[in-house]
Amino acid sequence: MQLTPAQVKRALSQFDAEAVPTDHPALPQLTRLFGNHTFLLDRTGLNMAVPTDSETGPQACQVINLATWNYGDPPVLEPHEPTPTDVVIQFETMH
């Protein structure tokens, strides 16, 4: 799911991460691999937000981890199968 700027702000208030900038050179490859999503980097690695089921639109998103940092010098992201996390981002009711 591609988050709006307001949703990104709301997400980052609940999840300690940074959004991957839209002009980042890796974004086209991430989009090819995973679809049109807002990608988030946190201390554990690379994530995306996937909407939870809702009949009235995205009220919440679950954070899915796509890659984790290794302990190299410098640290490198190591991709793996998408793994759901326990983090669920709540959005205000959309009208």
N, C-alpha and C. Protein backbone atom coordinates (compact mmCIF):
# COMPACT_ATOMS: atom_id res chain seq x y z
N MET A 1 0.84 -1.16 0.00
CA MET A 1 0.00 0.00 0.00
C MET A 1 0.89 1.23 0.00
N GLN A 2 0.61 2.13 -0.90
CA GLN A 2 1.31 3.41 -0.92
C GLN A 2 0.59 4.34 0.05
N LEU A 3 1.28 4.75 1.09
CA LEU A 3 0.68 5.62 2.10
C LEU A 3 0.70 7.07 1.63
N THR A 4 -0.32 7.80 2.01
CA THR A 4 -0.35 9.24 1.76
C THR A 4 0.63 9.91 2.72
N PRO A 5 1.02 11.16 2.47
CA PRO A 5 1.90 11.84 3.43
C PRO A 5 1.32 11.88 4.85
N ALA A 6 0.02 12.06 4.98
CA ALA A 6 -0.60 12.08 6.31
C ALA A 6 -0.52 10.70 6.96
N GLN A 7 -0.72 9.64 6.17
CA GLN A 7 -0.62 8.29 6.72
C GLN A 7 0.82 7.95 7.11
N VAL A 8 1.80 8.43 6.32
CA VAL A 8 3.21 8.20 6.68
C VAL A 8 3.49 8.86 8.02
N LYS A 9 3.04 10.09 8.18
CA LYS A 9 3.26 10.81 9.45
C LYS A 9 2.62 10.05 10.61
N ARG A 10 1.41 9.58 10.40
CA ARG A 10 0.71 8.82 11.45
C ARG A 10 1.43 7.50 11.74
N ALA A 11 1.89 6.83 10.68
CA ALA A 11 2.60 5.56 10.86
C ALA A 11 3.88 5.76 11.66
N LEU A 12 4.63 6.80 11.31
CA LEU A 12 5.92 7.03 11.98
C LEU A 12 5.74 7.50 13.41
N SER A 13 4.54 7.97 13.76
CA SER A 13 4.28 8.32 15.16
C SER A 13 4.03 7.06 16.00
N GLN A 14 3.75 5.92 15.32
CA GLN A 14 3.47 4.67 16.02
C GLN A 14 4.57 3.62 15.84
N PHE A 15 5.43 3.84 14.87
CA PHE A 15 6.44 2.85 14.50
C PHE A 15 7.75 3.59 14.29
N ASP A 16 8.76 3.28 15.09
CA ASP A 16 10.04 3.98 15.04
C ASP A 16 10.81 3.57 13.80
N ALA A 17 10.60 4.32 12.72
CA ALA A 17 11.20 3.99 11.43
C ALA A 17 11.35 5.27 10.61
N GLU A 18 11.92 5.11 9.42
CA GLU A 18 12.01 6.19 8.44
C GLU A 18 11.46 5.68 7.13
N ALA A 19 10.70 6.52 6.45
CA ALA A 19 10.19 6.14 5.14
C ALA A 19 11.31 6.24 4.11
N VAL A 20 11.40 5.26 3.22
CA VAL A 20 12.37 5.32 2.13
C VAL A 20 11.91 6.44 1.19
N PRO A 21 12.76 7.42 0.92
CA PRO A 21 12.35 8.56 0.07
C PRO A 21 11.93 8.10 -1.33
N THR A 22 11.00 8.83 -1.92
CA THR A 22 10.49 8.47 -3.24
C THR A 22 11.55 8.59 -4.33
N ASP A 23 12.63 9.32 -4.07
CA ASP A 23 13.70 9.45 -5.07
C ASP A 23 14.89 8.54 -4.78
N HIS A 24 14.74 7.60 -3.84
CA HIS A 24 15.83 6.68 -3.51
C HIS A 24 16.12 5.77 -4.70
N PRO A 25 17.39 5.55 -5.05
CA PRO A 25 17.72 4.73 -6.21
C PRO A 25 17.24 3.28 -6.12
N ALA A 26 17.02 2.75 -4.94
CA ALA A 26 16.56 1.36 -4.80
C ALA A 26 15.04 1.22 -4.95
N LEU A 27 14.32 2.34 -4.92
CA LEU A 27 12.86 2.26 -4.93
C LEU A 27 12.29 1.58 -6.18
N PRO A 28 12.79 1.84 -7.38
CA PRO A 28 12.23 1.12 -8.55
C PRO A 28 12.36 -0.40 -8.43
N GLN A 29 13.48 -0.88 -7.92
CA GLN A 29 13.66 -2.32 -7.76
C GLN A 29 12.73 -2.87 -6.68
N LEU A 30 12.59 -2.15 -5.57
CA LEU A 30 11.67 -2.58 -4.51
C LEU A 30 10.25 -2.65 -5.04
N THR A 31 9.86 -1.67 -5.84
CA THR A 31 8.51 -1.64 -6.40
C THR A 31 8.30 -2.82 -7.36
N ARG A 32 9.31 -3.13 -8.17
CA ARG A 32 9.21 -4.29 -9.07
C ARG A 32 9.04 -5.59 -8.28
N LEU A 33 9.75 -5.70 -7.17
CA LEU A 33 9.71 -6.94 -6.38
C LEU A 33 8.45 -7.08 -5.53
N PHE A 34 8.00 -5.96 -4.93
CA PHE A 34 6.94 -6.04 -3.92
C PHE A 34 5.68 -5.26 -4.25
N GLY A 35 5.71 -4.49 -5.33
CA GLY A 35 4.54 -3.68 -5.67
C GLY A 35 4.69 -2.26 -5.17
N ASN A 36 3.65 -1.48 -5.39
CA ASN A 36 3.65 -0.06 -5.05
C ASN A 36 3.31 0.11 -3.57
N HIS A 37 4.34 0.18 -2.75
CA HIS A 37 4.18 0.32 -1.30
C HIS A 37 5.05 1.45 -0.80
N THR A 38 4.73 1.92 0.39
CA THR A 38 5.64 2.78 1.11
C THR A 38 6.56 1.85 1.91
N PHE A 39 7.86 1.99 1.70
CA PHE A 39 8.83 1.14 2.38
C PHE A 39 9.40 1.89 3.57
N LEU A 40 9.59 1.18 4.67
CA LEU A 40 10.02 1.77 5.93
C LEU A 40 11.25 1.03 6.44
N LEU A 41 12.26 1.80 6.83
CA LEU A 41 13.47 1.24 7.44
C LEU A 41 13.43 1.48 8.93
N ASP A 42 13.69 0.42 9.69
CA ASP A 42 13.81 0.57 11.14
C ASP A 42 15.06 -0.16 11.59
N ARG A 43 15.25 -0.29 12.90
CA ARG A 43 16.46 -0.90 13.43
C ARG A 43 16.57 -2.38 13.08
N THR A 44 15.44 -3.01 12.71
CA THR A 44 15.49 -4.43 12.35
C THR A 44 15.70 -4.65 10.87
N GLY A 45 15.30 -3.67 10.02
CA GLY A 45 15.49 -3.85 8.59
C GLY A 45 14.48 -3.10 7.74
N LEU A 46 14.17 -3.68 6.58
CA LEU A 46 13.28 -3.08 5.60
C LEU A 46 11.89 -3.67 5.74
N ASN A 47 10.89 -2.79 5.75
CA ASN A 47 9.51 -3.20 5.97
C ASN A 47 8.58 -2.51 4.98
N MET A 48 7.36 -3.04 4.89
CA MET A 48 6.29 -2.36 4.16
C MET A 48 5.02 -2.52 4.98
N ALA A 49 4.07 -1.64 4.73
CA ALA A 49 2.79 -1.67 5.43
C ALA A 49 1.74 -2.27 4.50
N VAL A 50 1.03 -3.28 4.98
CA VAL A 50 0.00 -3.96 4.20
C VAL A 50 -1.34 -3.76 4.91
N PRO A 51 -2.37 -3.29 4.19
CA PRO A 51 -3.65 -3.04 4.84
C PRO A 51 -4.24 -4.31 5.46
N THR A 52 -4.84 -4.13 6.62
CA THR A 52 -5.61 -5.22 7.22
C THR A 52 -6.97 -5.21 6.56
N ASP A 53 -7.70 -6.28 6.66
CA ASP A 53 -9.01 -6.36 6.03
C ASP A 53 -9.97 -5.33 6.61
N SER A 54 -10.64 -4.62 5.69
CA SER A 54 -11.64 -3.65 6.12
C SER A 54 -12.57 -3.37 4.95
N GLU A 55 -13.85 -3.33 5.22
CA GLU A 55 -14.83 -3.05 4.17
C GLU A 55 -14.89 -1.57 3.83
N THR A 56 -14.43 -0.72 4.73
CA THR A 56 -14.55 0.72 4.53
C THR A 56 -13.23 1.39 4.18
N GLY A 57 -12.23 0.62 3.80
CA GLY A 57 -10.94 1.21 3.46
C GLY A 57 -9.92 0.87 4.51
N PRO A 58 -8.67 1.27 4.25
CA PRO A 58 -7.59 0.91 5.18
C PRO A 58 -7.67 1.66 6.50
N GLN A 59 -8.12 0.98 7.54
CA GLN A 59 -8.18 1.55 8.87
C GLN A 59 -6.89 1.27 9.64
N ALA A 60 -6.19 0.22 9.19
CA ALA A 60 -4.95 -0.19 9.85
C ALA A 60 -4.09 -0.95 8.85
N CYS A 61 -2.80 -0.98 9.11
CA CYS A 61 -1.85 -1.73 8.29
C CYS A 61 -0.96 -2.54 9.20
N GLN A 62 -0.65 -3.74 8.77
CA GLN A 62 0.32 -4.58 9.47
C GLN A 62 1.68 -4.35 8.83
N VAL A 63 2.71 -4.27 9.65
CA VAL A 63 4.07 -4.10 9.15
C VAL A 63 4.62 -5.47 8.80
N ILE A 64 5.13 -5.59 7.56
CA ILE A 64 5.72 -6.82 7.06
C ILE A 64 7.21 -6.58 6.86
N ASN A 65 8.04 -7.43 7.44
CA ASN A 65 9.49 -7.31 7.31
C ASN A 65 9.95 -8.04 6.06
N LEU A 66 10.75 -7.35 5.23
CA LEU A 66 11.23 -7.89 3.95
C LEU A 66 12.71 -8.26 3.97
N ALA A 67 13.48 -7.58 4.82
CA ALA A 67 14.92 -7.82 4.90
C ALA A 67 15.40 -7.37 6.28
N THR A 68 16.40 -8.07 6.80
CA THR A 68 16.95 -7.70 8.10
C THR A 68 18.41 -7.29 7.95
N TRP A 69 18.84 -6.43 8.86
CA TRP A 69 20.24 -6.00 8.87
C TRP A 69 21.11 -7.15 9.33
N ASN A 70 22.26 -7.32 8.68
CA ASN A 70 23.23 -8.28 9.19
C ASN A 70 24.19 -7.53 10.11
N TYR A 71 25.14 -8.20 10.64
CA TYR A 71 26.07 -7.56 11.58
C TYR A 71 27.41 -7.26 10.94
N GLY A 72 27.42 -7.07 9.62
CA GLY A 72 28.66 -6.76 8.91
C GLY A 72 29.12 -5.34 9.16
N ASP A 73 30.27 -5.02 8.61
CA ASP A 73 30.81 -3.67 8.72
C ASP A 73 31.16 -3.18 7.32
N PRO A 74 30.28 -2.45 6.69
CA PRO A 74 29.03 -1.87 7.20
C PRO A 74 27.89 -2.89 7.16
N PRO A 75 26.84 -2.64 7.95
CA PRO A 75 25.67 -3.53 7.93
C PRO A 75 25.02 -3.52 6.55
N VAL A 76 24.49 -4.66 6.15
CA VAL A 76 23.84 -4.82 4.86
C VAL A 76 22.48 -5.46 5.09
N LEU A 77 21.50 -5.06 4.30
CA LEU A 77 20.18 -5.69 4.39
C LEU A 77 20.22 -7.05 3.69
N GLU A 78 19.74 -8.07 4.38
CA GLU A 78 19.66 -9.41 3.82
C GLU A 78 18.19 -9.75 3.60
N PRO A 79 17.77 -9.86 2.32
CA PRO A 79 16.36 -10.15 2.03
C PRO A 79 15.97 -11.56 2.45
N HIS A 80 14.69 -11.74 2.75
CA HIS A 80 14.13 -13.04 3.09
C HIS A 80 12.65 -13.02 2.71
N GLU A 81 11.98 -14.12 2.90
CA GLU A 81 10.55 -14.16 2.62
C GLU A 81 9.84 -13.11 3.48
N PRO A 82 8.84 -12.41 2.92
CA PRO A 82 8.09 -11.43 3.73
C PRO A 82 7.55 -12.08 5.00
N THR A 83 7.82 -11.43 6.13
CA THR A 83 7.44 -11.96 7.44
C THR A 83 6.59 -10.95 8.19
N PRO A 84 5.34 -11.30 8.52
CA PRO A 84 4.51 -10.39 9.31
C PRO A 84 5.14 -10.12 10.67
N THR A 85 5.03 -8.88 11.13
CA THR A 85 5.49 -8.52 12.47
C THR A 85 4.27 -8.35 13.37
N ASP A 86 4.53 -8.06 14.62
CA ASP A 86 3.44 -7.80 15.57
C ASP A 86 2.96 -6.35 15.51
N VAL A 87 3.59 -5.52 14.67
CA VAL A 87 3.27 -4.10 14.60
C VAL A 87 2.07 -3.87 13.68
N VAL A 88 1.04 -3.23 14.23
CA VAL A 88 -0.12 -2.83 13.45
C VAL A 88 -0.27 -1.33 13.61
N ILE A 89 -0.28 -0.62 12.49
CA ILE A 89 -0.40 0.83 12.48
C ILE A 89 -1.87 1.17 12.33
N GLN A 90 -2.38 1.97 13.26
CA GLN A 90 -3.78 2.38 13.24
C GLN A 90 -3.90 3.75 12.56
N PHE A 91 -4.84 3.85 11.61
CA PHE A 91 -5.14 5.12 10.98
C PHE A 91 -6.48 5.64 11.49
N GLU A 92 -6.64 6.95 11.43
CA GLU A 92 -7.93 7.52 11.81
C GLU A 92 -8.96 7.07 10.80
N THR A 93 -10.22 7.06 11.23
CA THR A 93 -11.28 6.67 10.33
C THR A 93 -11.27 7.57 9.10
N MET A 94 -11.32 6.94 7.93
CA MET A 94 -11.30 7.70 6.69
C MET A 94 -12.74 7.94 6.25
N HIS A 95 -13.07 9.17 5.86
CA HIS A 95 -14.42 9.51 5.43
C HIS A 95 -14.49 9.65 3.95
